[in-house]
Amino acid sequence: ELKNVISILISSDFLGMARLVDECVKFIKEN
């Protein structure tokens, strides 16, 4: 969601969750 995507992006990048980082970037791009 808009309210959580940036925090999830930062956390998933820190944790090395590449697939989730990609999902977040795609969501951000679309919105």
ModelCIF file with pLDDT and N, C-alpha, C, O atoms, coordinates in Angstrom:
data_MODEL
#
_entry.id   MODEL 
#
_entity.id                         1 
_entity.type                       polymer 
_entity.pdbx_number_of_molecules   1 
#
_entity_poly.entity_id                      1 
_entity_poly.type                           'polypeptide(L)' 
_entity_poly.nstd_linkage                   no 
_entity_poly.nstd_monomer                   no 
_entity_poly.pdbx_seq_one_letter_code       ELKNVISILISSDFLGMARLVDECVKFIKEN 
_entity_poly.pdbx_seq_one_letter_code_can   ELKNVISILISSDFLGMARLVDECVKFIKEN 
_entity_poly.pdbx_strand_id                 A 
#
loop_
_entity_poly_seq.entity_id 
_entity_poly_seq.num 
_entity_poly_seq.mon_id 
_entity_poly_seq.hetero 
1 1  GLU n 
1 2  LEU n 
1 3  LYS n 
1 4  ASN n 
1 5  VAL n 
1 6  ILE n 
1 7  SER n 
1 8  ILE n 
1 9  LEU n 
1 10 ILE n 
1 11 SER n 
1 12 SER n 
1 13 ASP n 
1 14 PHE n 
1 15 LEU n 
1 16 GLY n 
1 17 MET n 
1 18 ALA n 
1 19 ARG n 
1 20 LEU n 
1 21 VAL n 
1 22 ASP n 
1 23 GLU n 
1 24 CYS n 
1 25 VAL n 
1 26 LYS n 
1 27 PHE n 
1 28 ILE n 
1 29 LYS n 
1 30 GLU n 
1 31 ASN n 
#
_struct_asym.id          A 
_struct_asym.entity_id   1 
#
loop_
_ma_qa_metric.id 
_ma_qa_metric.mode 
_ma_qa_metric.name 
_ma_qa_metric.software_group_id 
_ma_qa_metric.type 
1 global pLDDT . pLDDT 
2 local  pLDDT . pLDDT 
#
_ma_qa_metric_global.metric_id      1 
_ma_qa_metric_global.metric_value   93.55 
_ma_qa_metric_global.model_id       1 
_ma_qa_metric_global.ordinal_id     1 
#
loop_
_ma_qa_metric_local.label_asym_id 
_ma_qa_metric_local.label_comp_id 
_ma_qa_metric_local.label_seq_id 
_ma_qa_metric_local.metric_id 
_ma_qa_metric_local.metric_value 
_ma_qa_metric_local.model_id 
_ma_qa_metric_local.ordinal_id 
A GLU 1  2 94.00 1 1  
A LEU 2  2 94.00 1 2  
A LYS 3  2 90.00 1 3  
A ASN 4  2 92.00 1 4  
A VAL 5  2 94.00 1 5  
A ILE 6  2 93.00 1 6  
A SER 7  2 91.00 1 7  
A ILE 8  2 93.00 1 8  
A LEU 9  2 94.00 1 9  
A ILE 10 2 92.00 1 10 
A SER 11 2 92.00 1 11 
A SER 12 2 92.00 1 12 
A ASP 13 2 93.00 1 13 
A PHE 14 2 91.00 1 14 
A LEU 15 2 91.00 1 15 
A GLY 16 2 93.00 1 16 
A MET 17 2 92.00 1 17 
A ALA 18 2 94.00 1 18 
A ARG 19 2 93.00 1 19 
A LEU 20 2 94.00 1 20 
A VAL 21 2 95.00 1 21 
A ASP 22 2 95.00 1 22 
A GLU 23 2 94.00 1 23 
A CYS 24 2 95.00 1 24 
A VAL 25 2 95.00 1 25 
A LYS 26 2 96.00 1 26 
A PHE 27 2 96.00 1 27 
A ILE 28 2 95.00 1 28 
A LYS 29 2 95.00 1 29 
A GLU 30 2 96.00 1 30 
A ASN 31 2 96.00 1 31 
#
loop_
_atom_site.group_PDB 
_atom_site.id 
_atom_site.type_symbol 
_atom_site.label_atom_id 
_atom_site.label_alt_id 
_atom_site.label_comp_id 
_atom_site.label_asym_id 
_atom_site.label_entity_id 
_atom_site.label_seq_id 
_atom_site.pdbx_PDB_ins_code 
_atom_site.Cartn_x 
_atom_site.Cartn_y 
_atom_site.Cartn_z 
_atom_site.occupancy 
_atom_site.B_iso_or_equiv 
_atom_site.pdbx_formal_charge 
_atom_site.auth_seq_id 
_atom_site.auth_comp_id 
_atom_site.auth_asym_id 
_atom_site.auth_atom_id 
_atom_site.pdbx_PDB_model_num 
ATOM 1   N N  . GLU A 1 1  ? 0.847  -1.187  0.000   1.00 94.00 ? 1  GLU A N  1 
ATOM 2   C CA . GLU A 1 1  ? 0.000  0.000   0.000   1.00 94.00 ? 1  GLU A CA 1 
ATOM 3   C C  . GLU A 1 1  ? 0.885  1.239   0.000   1.00 94.00 ? 1  GLU A C  1 
ATOM 4   O O  . GLU A 1 1  ? 2.069  1.174   0.330   1.00 94.00 ? 1  GLU A O  1 
ATOM 5   N N  . LEU A 1 2  ? 0.301  2.353   -0.370  1.00 94.00 ? 2  LEU A N  1 
ATOM 6   C CA . LEU A 1 2  ? 1.053  3.612   -0.362  1.00 94.00 ? 2  LEU A CA 1 
ATOM 7   C C  . LEU A 1 2  ? 1.672  3.882   1.001   1.00 94.00 ? 2  LEU A C  1 
ATOM 8   O O  . LEU A 1 2  ? 2.810  4.342   1.095   1.00 94.00 ? 2  LEU A O  1 
ATOM 9   N N  . LYS A 1 3  ? 0.916  3.592   2.057   1.00 90.00 ? 3  LYS A N  1 
ATOM 10  C CA . LYS A 1 3  ? 1.378  3.931   3.400   1.00 90.00 ? 3  LYS A CA 1 
ATOM 11  C C  . LYS A 1 3  ? 2.526  3.051   3.895   1.00 90.00 ? 3  LYS A C  1 
ATOM 12  O O  . LYS A 1 3  ? 3.198  3.403   4.864   1.00 90.00 ? 3  LYS A O  1 
ATOM 13  N N  . ASN A 1 4  ? 2.761  1.888   3.227   1.00 92.00 ? 4  ASN A N  1 
ATOM 14  C CA . ASN A 1 4  ? 3.808  1.017   3.740   1.00 92.00 ? 4  ASN A CA 1 
ATOM 15  C C  . ASN A 1 4  ? 4.926  0.695   2.750   1.00 92.00 ? 4  ASN A C  1 
ATOM 16  O O  . ASN A 1 4  ? 5.943  0.122   3.141   1.00 92.00 ? 4  ASN A O  1 
ATOM 17  N N  . VAL A 1 5  ? 4.759  1.045   1.500   1.00 94.00 ? 5  VAL A N  1 
ATOM 18  C CA . VAL A 1 5  ? 5.684  0.570   0.468   1.00 94.00 ? 5  VAL A CA 1 
ATOM 19  C C  . VAL A 1 5  ? 7.120  1.073   0.648   1.00 94.00 ? 5  VAL A C  1 
ATOM 20  O O  . VAL A 1 5  ? 8.057  0.316   0.397   1.00 94.00 ? 5  VAL A O  1 
ATOM 21  N N  . ILE A 1 6  ? 7.318  2.299   1.065   1.00 93.00 ? 6  ILE A N  1 
ATOM 22  C CA . ILE A 1 6  ? 8.682  2.828   1.231   1.00 93.00 ? 6  ILE A CA 1 
ATOM 23  C C  . ILE A 1 6  ? 9.380  2.123   2.386   1.00 93.00 ? 6  ILE A C  1 
ATOM 24  O O  . ILE A 1 6  ? 10.540 1.729   2.258   1.00 93.00 ? 6  ILE A O  1 
ATOM 25  N N  . SER A 1 7  ? 8.691  1.958   3.509   1.00 91.00 ? 7  SER A N  1 
ATOM 26  C CA . SER A 1 7  ? 9.284  1.263   4.654   1.00 91.00 ? 7  SER A CA 1 
ATOM 27  C C  . SER A 1 7  ? 9.595  -0.187  4.320   1.00 91.00 ? 7  SER A C  1 
ATOM 28  O O  . SER A 1 7  ? 10.634 -0.709  4.723   1.00 91.00 ? 7  SER A O  1 
ATOM 29  N N  . ILE A 1 8  ? 8.705  -0.836  3.589   1.00 93.00 ? 8  ILE A N  1 
ATOM 30  C CA . ILE A 1 8  ? 8.939  -2.222  3.199   1.00 93.00 ? 8  ILE A CA 1 
ATOM 31  C C  . ILE A 1 8  ? 10.091 -2.306  2.206   1.00 93.00 ? 8  ILE A C  1 
ATOM 32  O O  . ILE A 1 8  ? 10.897 -3.235  2.267   1.00 93.00 ? 8  ILE A O  1 
ATOM 33  N N  . LEU A 1 9  ? 10.174 -1.354  1.306   1.00 94.00 ? 9  LEU A N  1 
ATOM 34  C CA . LEU A 1 9  ? 11.291 -1.314  0.363   1.00 94.00 ? 9  LEU A CA 1 
ATOM 35  C C  . LEU A 1 9  ? 12.624 -1.216  1.096   1.00 94.00 ? 9  LEU A C  1 
ATOM 36  O O  . LEU A 1 9  ? 13.551 -1.972  0.804   1.00 94.00 ? 9  LEU A O  1 
ATOM 37  N N  . ILE A 1 10 ? 12.722 -0.306  2.028   1.00 92.00 ? 10 ILE A N  1 
ATOM 38  C CA . ILE A 1 10 ? 13.961 -0.099  2.779   1.00 92.00 ? 10 ILE A CA 1 
ATOM 39  C C  . ILE A 1 10 ? 14.305 -1.350  3.588   1.00 92.00 ? 10 ILE A C  1 
ATOM 40  O O  . ILE A 1 10 ? 15.452 -1.799  3.588   1.00 92.00 ? 10 ILE A O  1 
ATOM 41  N N  . SER A 1 11 ? 13.312 -1.908  4.275   1.00 92.00 ? 11 SER A N  1 
ATOM 42  C CA . SER A 1 11 ? 13.550 -3.091  5.102   1.00 92.00 ? 11 SER A CA 1 
ATOM 43  C C  . SER A 1 11 ? 13.922 -4.301  4.258   1.00 92.00 ? 11 SER A C  1 
ATOM 44  O O  . SER A 1 11 ? 14.842 -5.039  4.609   1.00 92.00 ? 11 SER A O  1 
ATOM 45  N N  . SER A 1 12 ? 13.225 -4.511  3.158   1.00 92.00 ? 12 SER A N  1 
ATOM 46  C CA . SER A 1 12 ? 13.512 -5.675  2.313   1.00 92.00 ? 12 SER A CA 1 
ATOM 47  C C  . SER A 1 12 ? 14.889 -5.550  1.655   1.00 92.00 ? 12 SER A C  1 
ATOM 48  O O  . SER A 1 12 ? 15.573 -6.556  1.464   1.00 92.00 ? 12 SER A O  1 
ATOM 49  N N  . ASP A 1 13 ? 15.298 -4.339  1.311   1.00 93.00 ? 13 ASP A N  1 
ATOM 50  C CA . ASP A 1 13 ? 16.637 -4.136  0.762   1.00 93.00 ? 13 ASP A CA 1 
ATOM 51  C C  . ASP A 1 13 ? 17.689 -4.466  1.811   1.00 93.00 ? 13 ASP A C  1 
ATOM 52  O O  . ASP A 1 13 ? 18.673 -5.144  1.515   1.00 93.00 ? 13 ASP A O  1 
ATOM 53  N N  . PHE A 1 14 ? 17.488 -3.992  3.026   1.00 91.00 ? 14 PHE A N  1 
ATOM 54  C CA . PHE A 1 14 ? 18.415 -4.252  4.124   1.00 91.00 ? 14 PHE A CA 1 
ATOM 55  C C  . PHE A 1 14 ? 18.540 -5.746  4.393   1.00 91.00 ? 14 PHE A C  1 
ATOM 56  O O  . PHE A 1 14 ? 19.629 -6.241  4.681   1.00 91.00 ? 14 PHE A O  1 
ATOM 57  N N  . LEU A 1 15 ? 17.413 -6.468  4.298   1.00 91.00 ? 15 LEU A N  1 
ATOM 58  C CA . LEU A 1 15 ? 17.391 -7.898  4.595   1.00 91.00 ? 15 LEU A CA 1 
ATOM 59  C C  . LEU A 1 15 ? 17.776 -8.769  3.395   1.00 91.00 ? 15 LEU A C  1 
ATOM 60  O O  . LEU A 1 15 ? 17.834 -9.993  3.513   1.00 91.00 ? 15 LEU A O  1 
ATOM 61  N N  . GLY A 1 16 ? 18.035 -8.153  2.257   1.00 93.00 ? 16 GLY A N  1 
ATOM 62  C CA . GLY A 1 16 ? 18.443 -8.900  1.075   1.00 93.00 ? 16 GLY A CA 1 
ATOM 63  C C  . GLY A 1 16 ? 17.314 -9.688  0.426   1.00 93.00 ? 16 GLY A C  1 
ATOM 64  O O  . GLY A 1 16 ? 17.545 -10.760 -0.134  1.00 93.00 ? 16 GLY A O  1 
ATOM 65  N N  . MET A 1 17 ? 16.108 -9.168  0.499   1.00 92.00 ? 17 MET A N  1 
ATOM 66  C CA . MET A 1 17 ? 14.930 -9.829  -0.077  1.00 92.00 ? 17 MET A CA 1 
ATOM 67  C C  . MET A 1 17 ? 14.686 -9.258  -1.478  1.00 92.00 ? 17 MET A C  1 
ATOM 68  O O  . MET A 1 17 ? 13.798 -8.428  -1.678  1.00 92.00 ? 17 MET A O  1 
ATOM 69  N N  . ALA A 1 18 ? 15.487 -9.717  -2.437  1.00 94.00 ? 18 ALA A N  1 
ATOM 70  C CA . ALA A 1 18 ? 15.511 -9.128  -3.781  1.00 94.00 ? 18 ALA A CA 1 
ATOM 71  C C  . ALA A 1 18 ? 14.153 -9.154  -4.473  1.00 94.00 ? 18 ALA A C  1 
ATOM 72  O O  . ALA A 1 18 ? 13.769 -8.173  -5.109  1.00 94.00 ? 18 ALA A O  1 
ATOM 73  N N  . ARG A 1 19 ? 13.422 -10.258 -4.358  1.00 93.00 ? 19 ARG A N  1 
ATOM 74  C CA . ARG A 1 19 ? 12.112 -10.340 -5.023  1.00 93.00 ? 19 ARG A CA 1 
ATOM 75  C C  . ARG A 1 19 ? 11.139 -9.298  -4.463  1.00 93.00 ? 19 ARG A C  1 
ATOM 76  O O  . ARG A 1 19 ? 10.384 -8.680  -5.213  1.00 93.00 ? 19 ARG A O  1 
ATOM 77  N N  . LEU A 1 20 ? 11.162 -9.111  -3.154  1.00 94.00 ? 20 LEU A N  1 
ATOM 78  C CA . LEU A 1 20 ? 10.289 -8.119  -2.544  1.00 94.00 ? 20 LEU A CA 1 
ATOM 79  C C  . LEU A 1 20 ? 10.727 -6.707  -2.911  1.00 94.00 ? 20 LEU A C  1 
ATOM 80  O O  . LEU A 1 20 ? 9.880  -5.838  -3.120  1.00 94.00 ? 20 LEU A O  1 
ATOM 81  N N  . VAL A 1 21 ? 12.022 -6.462  -2.992  1.00 95.00 ? 21 VAL A N  1 
ATOM 82  C CA . VAL A 1 21 ? 12.516 -5.155  -3.440  1.00 95.00 ? 21 VAL A CA 1 
ATOM 83  C C  . VAL A 1 21 ? 11.972 -4.866  -4.832  1.00 95.00 ? 21 VAL A C  1 
ATOM 84  O O  . VAL A 1 21 ? 11.488 -3.765  -5.096  1.00 95.00 ? 21 VAL A O  1 
ATOM 85  N N  . ASP A 1 22 ? 12.050 -5.850  -5.719  1.00 95.00 ? 22 ASP A N  1 
ATOM 86  C CA . ASP A 1 22 ? 11.530 -5.677  -7.077  1.00 95.00 ? 22 ASP A CA 1 
ATOM 87  C C  . ASP A 1 22 ? 10.034 -5.388  -7.081  1.00 95.00 ? 22 ASP A C  1 
ATOM 88  O O  . ASP A 1 22 ? 9.563  -4.545  -7.844  1.00 95.00 ? 22 ASP A O  1 
ATOM 89  N N  . GLU A 1 23 ? 9.290  -6.088  -6.228  1.00 94.00 ? 23 GLU A N  1 
ATOM 90  C CA . GLU A 1 23 ? 7.842  -5.853  -6.138  1.00 94.00 ? 23 GLU A CA 1 
ATOM 91  C C  . GLU A 1 23 ? 7.551  -4.429  -5.661  1.00 94.00 ? 23 GLU A C  1 
ATOM 92  O O  . GLU A 1 23 ? 6.652  -3.768  -6.180  1.00 94.00 ? 23 GLU A O  1 
ATOM 93  N N  . CYS A 1 24 ? 8.306  -3.965  -4.680  1.00 95.00 ? 24 CYS A N  1 
ATOM 94  C CA . CYS A 1 24 ? 8.117  -2.611  -4.161  1.00 95.00 ? 24 CYS A CA 1 
ATOM 95  C C  . CYS A 1 24 ? 8.444  -1.567  -5.223  1.00 95.00 ? 24 CYS A C  1 
ATOM 96  O O  . CYS A 1 24 ? 7.708  -0.594  -5.390  1.00 95.00 ? 24 CYS A O  1 
ATOM 97  N N  . VAL A 1 25 ? 9.545  -1.769  -5.939  1.00 95.00 ? 25 VAL A N  1 
ATOM 98  C CA . VAL A 1 25 ? 9.935  -0.819  -6.990  1.00 95.00 ? 25 VAL A CA 1 
ATOM 99  C C  . VAL A 1 25 ? 8.864  -0.784  -8.073  1.00 95.00 ? 25 VAL A C  1 
ATOM 100 O O  . VAL A 1 25 ? 8.522  0.290   -8.568  1.00 95.00 ? 25 VAL A O  1 
ATOM 101 N N  . LYS A 1 26 ? 8.336  -1.932  -8.444  1.00 96.00 ? 26 LYS A N  1 
ATOM 102 C CA . LYS A 1 26 ? 7.275  -1.989  -9.447  1.00 96.00 ? 26 LYS A CA 1 
ATOM 103 C C  . LYS A 1 26 ? 6.026  -1.242  -8.958  1.00 96.00 ? 26 LYS A C  1 
ATOM 104 O O  . LYS A 1 26 ? 5.415  -0.487  -9.714  1.00 96.00 ? 26 LYS A O  1 
ATOM 105 N N  . PHE A 1 27 ? 5.654  -1.456  -7.694  1.00 96.00 ? 27 PHE A N  1 
ATOM 106 C CA . PHE A 1 27 ? 4.500  -0.771  -7.117  1.00 96.00 ? 27 PHE A CA 1 
ATOM 107 C C  . PHE A 1 27 ? 4.720  0.744   -7.125  1.00 96.00 ? 27 PHE A C  1 
ATOM 108 O O  . PHE A 1 27 ? 3.820  1.505   -7.481  1.00 96.00 ? 27 PHE A O  1 
ATOM 109 N N  . ILE A 1 28 ? 5.912  1.174   -6.732  1.00 95.00 ? 28 ILE A N  1 
ATOM 110 C CA . ILE A 1 28 ? 6.223  2.602   -6.699  1.00 95.00 ? 28 ILE A CA 1 
ATOM 111 C C  . ILE A 1 28 ? 6.150  3.183   -8.107  1.00 95.00 ? 28 ILE A C  1 
ATOM 112 O O  . ILE A 1 28 ? 5.594  4.262   -8.308  1.00 95.00 ? 28 ILE A O  1 
ATOM 113 N N  . LYS A 1 29 ? 6.706  2.475   -9.070  1.00 95.00 ? 29 LYS A N  1 
ATOM 114 C CA . LYS A 1 29 ? 6.678  2.937   -10.465 1.00 95.00 ? 29 LYS A CA 1 
ATOM 115 C C  . LYS A 1 29 ? 5.245  3.114   -10.945 1.00 95.00 ? 29 LYS A C  1 
ATOM 116 O O  . LYS A 1 29 ? 4.921  4.109   -11.593 1.00 95.00 ? 29 LYS A O  1 
ATOM 117 N N  . GLU A 1 30 ? 4.385  2.147   -10.627 1.00 96.00 ? 30 GLU A N  1 
ATOM 118 C CA . GLU A 1 30 ? 2.991  2.194   -11.060 1.00 96.00 ? 30 GLU A CA 1 
ATOM 119 C C  . GLU A 1 30 ? 2.181  3.269   -10.338 1.00 96.00 ? 30 GLU A C  1 
ATOM 120 O O  . GLU A 1 30 ? 1.133  3.690   -10.829 1.00 96.00 ? 30 GLU A O  1 
ATOM 121 N N  . ASN A 1 31 ? 2.656  3.711   -9.189  1.00 96.00 ? 31 ASN A N  1 
ATOM 122 C CA . ASN A 1 31 ? 1.921  4.684   -8.366  1.00 96.00 ? 31 ASN A CA 1 
ATOM 123 C C  . ASN A 1 31 ? 2.774  5.900   -8.034  1.00 96.00 ? 31 ASN A C  1 
ATOM 124 O O  . ASN A 1 31 ? 2.309  6.813   -7.351  1.00 96.00 ? 31 ASN A O  1 
#
